[in-house]
Amino acid sequence: MKLQKNMLPIERWLRIYFGVIIVLVYFFNPYPYSWWTFSGYLVIATGVFGFCPIYGFLNGRKKSDGSTPTVN
């Protein structure tokens, strides 16, 4: 099964950026944020692969005019 990219490039970079921030917070203050690290890794993984399972489940993301965006 091949994962078809369903995210725009800017969204992919934003997910990677904020995922790294979430993971770095764990290294500075590990006790209350230890479970957040998993969500940070998950956000980074979806950004790297360009596939969001939630978007796939909802049959793709829709633009404001109702059409599905094309992602290369």
C-alpha atoms as a PDB file:
ATOM      1  CA  MET A   1       0.000   0.000   0.000  1.00  0.00           C
ATOM      2  CA  LYS A   2       1.478   3.308  -1.084  1.00  0.00           C
ATOM      3  CA  LEU A   3       0.674   6.367   0.960  1.00  0.00           C
ATOM      4  CA  GLN A   4      -0.473   9.184  -1.277  1.00  0.00           C
ATOM      5  CA  LYS A   5       0.556  12.625  -0.073  1.00  0.00           C
ATOM      6  CA  ASN A   6      -2.447  14.620   1.070  1.00  0.00           C
ATOM      7  CA  MET A   7      -0.811  17.685   2.625  1.00  0.00           C
ATOM      8  CA  LEU A   8       0.479  20.891   1.115  1.00  0.00           C
ATOM      9  CA  PRO A   9       4.237  21.629   1.455  1.00  0.00           C
ATOM     10  CA  ILE A  10       3.743  24.536   3.873  1.00  0.00           C
ATOM     11  CA  GLU A  11       1.663  22.347   6.144  1.00  0.00           C
ATOM     12  CA  ARG A  12       4.330  19.661   6.091  1.00  0.00           C
ATOM     13  CA  TRP A  13       7.031  22.146   7.162  1.00  0.00           C
ATOM     14  CA  LEU A  14       4.826  23.580   9.898  1.00  0.00           C
ATOM     15  CA  ARG A  15       4.153  20.116  11.292  1.00  0.00           C
ATOM     16  CA  ILE A  16       7.861  19.311  11.352  1.00  0.00           C
ATOM     17  CA  TYR A  17       8.663  22.662  12.991  1.00  0.00           C
ATOM     18  CA  PHE A  18       6.061  22.381  15.751  1.00  0.00           C
ATOM     19  CA  GLY A  19       6.792  18.688  16.282  1.00  0.00           C
ATOM     20  CA  VAL A  20      10.438  19.485  16.948  1.00  0.00           C
ATOM     21  CA  ILE A  21       9.391  22.200  19.406  1.00  0.00           C
ATOM     22  CA  ILE A  22       7.167  19.739  21.292  1.00  0.00           C
ATOM     23  CA  VAL A  23       9.984  17.186  21.487  1.00  0.00           C
ATOM     24  CA  LEU A  24      12.502  19.818  22.646  1.00  0.00           C
ATOM     25  CA  VAL A  25      10.185  20.920  25.452  1.00  0.00           C
ATOM     26  CA  TYR A  26      10.446  17.396  26.825  1.00  0.00           C
ATOM     27  CA  PHE A  27      14.244  17.631  27.012  1.00  0.00           C
ATOM     28  CA  PHE A  28      14.104  20.887  28.973  1.00  0.00           C
ATOM     29  CA  ASN A  29      11.351  19.864  31.395  1.00  0.00           C
ATOM     30  CA  PRO A  30      10.666  16.114  31.139  1.00  0.00           C
ATOM     31  CA  TYR A  31       8.351  15.422  34.059  1.00  0.00           C
ATOM     32  CA  PRO A  32       4.997  16.982  33.159  1.00  0.00           C
ATOM     33  CA  TYR A  33       5.478  16.747  29.412  1.00  0.00           C
ATOM     34  CA  SER A  34       6.650  13.137  28.954  1.00  0.00           C
ATOM     35  CA  TRP A  35       3.456  12.037  27.174  1.00  0.00           C
ATOM     36  CA  TRP A  36       3.611  15.006  24.817  1.00  0.00           C
ATOM     37  CA  THR A  37       6.778  13.580  23.284  1.00  0.00           C
ATOM     38  CA  PHE A  38       4.778  10.860  21.523  1.00  0.00           C
ATOM     39  CA  SER A  39       2.498  13.455  19.945  1.00  0.00           C
ATOM     40  CA  GLY A  40       5.570  15.420  18.829  1.00  0.00           C
ATOM     41  CA  TYR A  41       7.008  12.351  17.117  1.00  0.00           C
ATOM     42  CA  LEU A  42       3.638  11.658  15.500  1.00  0.00           C
ATOM     43  CA  VAL A  43       3.412  15.215  14.144  1.00  0.00           C
ATOM     44  CA  ILE A  44       6.969  14.978  12.796  1.00  0.00           C
ATOM     45  CA  ALA A  45       6.232  11.635  11.118  1.00  0.00           C
ATOM     46  CA  THR A  46       3.114  12.939   9.371  1.00  0.00           C
ATOM     47  CA  GLY A  47       5.093  15.966   8.178  1.00  0.00           C
ATOM     48  CA  VAL A  48       7.970  13.888   6.851  1.00  0.00           C
ATOM     49  CA  PHE A  49       5.769  11.398   4.994  1.00  0.00           C
ATOM     50  CA  GLY A  50       3.262  13.997   3.816  1.00  0.00           C
ATOM     51  CA  PHE A  51       0.330  11.762   4.690  1.00  0.00           C
ATOM     52  CA  CYS A  52      -2.174  12.548   7.409  1.00  0.00           C
ATOM     53  CA  PRO A  53      -4.361   9.564   8.335  1.00  0.00           C
ATOM     54  CA  ILE A  54      -7.157  11.842   9.497  1.00  0.00           C
ATOM     55  CA  TYR A  55      -7.263  13.538   6.095  1.00  0.00           C
ATOM     56  CA  GLY A  56      -7.290  10.131   4.439  1.00  0.00           C
ATOM     57  CA  PHE A  57     -10.133   8.996   6.669  1.00  0.00           C
ATOM     58  CA  LEU A  58     -12.155  12.100   5.891  1.00  0.00           C
ATOM     59  CA  ASN A  59     -11.557  11.532   2.157  1.00  0.00           C
ATOM     60  CA  GLY A  60      -9.055  14.315   1.673  1.00  0.00           C
ATOM     61  CA  ARG A  61      -8.955  17.929   2.587  1.00  0.00           C
ATOM     62  CA  LYS A  62     -11.230  20.399   0.853  1.00  0.00           C
ATOM     63  CA  LYS A  63     -10.386  23.905  -0.310  1.00  0.00           C
ATOM     64  CA  SER A  64     -12.669  26.832   0.431  1.00  0.00           C
ATOM     65  CA  ASP A  65     -14.311  26.440  -2.999  1.00  0.00           C
ATOM     66  CA  GLY A  66     -15.065  22.759  -2.303  1.00  0.00           C
ATOM     67  CA  SER A  67     -12.441  21.214  -4.573  1.00  0.00           C
ATOM     68  CA  THR A  68      -9.700  18.852  -3.465  1.00  0.00           C
ATOM     69  CA  PRO A  69      -6.177  20.362  -3.602  1.00  0.00           C
ATOM     70  CA  THR A  70      -3.598  18.785  -5.869  1.00  0.00           C
ATOM     71  CA  VAL A  71      -0.383  17.791  -4.127  1.00  0.00           C
ATOM     72  CA  ASN A  72       2.684  16.720  -6.074  1.00  0.00           C
END
